[in-house]
Amino acid sequence: MVHPDWVDVSSSVEKVPGKKDPAKIKEFIQAVKGLTENRI
């Protein structure tokens, strides 16, 4: 299993190039929180 210190998701959370999508950012953060909570 990989345990990176950081992840670059800039383009993955964009609605169109250069414009972040708040819903995608929220979804990503919730997914990461779920993974980190299960790591304990």
Protein backbone atom coordinates (compact mmCIF):
# COMPACT_ATOMS: atom_id res chain seq x y z
CA MET A 1 0.00 0.00 0.00
CA VAL A 2 1.19 3.53 -0.81
CA HIS A 3 1.19 6.30 1.81
CA PRO A 4 2.06 9.53 -0.03
CA ASP A 5 2.75 12.76 1.87
CA TRP A 6 0.80 14.73 -0.73
CA VAL A 7 -1.24 14.25 -3.91
CA ASP A 8 -1.58 16.62 -6.86
CA VAL A 9 -5.22 16.66 -7.91
CA SER A 10 -5.37 20.11 -9.51
CA SER A 11 -6.83 19.14 -12.88
CA SER A 12 -8.89 16.32 -11.35
CA VAL A 13 -11.04 18.79 -9.43
CA GLU A 14 -11.62 21.24 -12.28
CA LYS A 15 -14.94 21.76 -14.01
CA VAL A 16 -13.12 23.26 -17.01
CA PRO A 17 -9.39 23.98 -17.35
CA GLY A 18 -8.40 26.58 -14.76
CA LYS A 19 -11.73 26.57 -12.88
CA LYS A 20 -12.02 24.46 -9.73
CA ASP A 21 -15.32 22.70 -9.03
CA PRO A 22 -16.27 23.01 -5.33
CA ALA A 23 -18.35 19.82 -5.52
CA LYS A 24 -15.42 17.82 -6.93
CA ILE A 25 -13.09 19.23 -4.26
CA LYS A 26 -15.57 18.28 -1.51
CA GLU A 27 -16.00 14.78 -2.97
CA PHE A 28 -12.23 14.28 -3.11
CA ILE A 29 -11.73 15.44 0.49
CA GLN A 30 -14.50 13.16 1.74
CA ALA A 31 -12.96 10.20 -0.10
CA VAL A 32 -9.51 10.90 1.38
CA LYS A 33 -10.93 11.29 4.87
CA GLY A 34 -12.66 7.92 4.48
CA LEU A 35 -9.39 6.28 3.47
CA THR A 36 -7.38 7.80 6.29
CA GLU A 37 -9.99 6.88 8.91
CA ASN A 38 -9.83 3.26 7.77
CA ARG A 39 -6.00 3.19 8.05
CA ILE A 40 -5.97 3.22 11.83
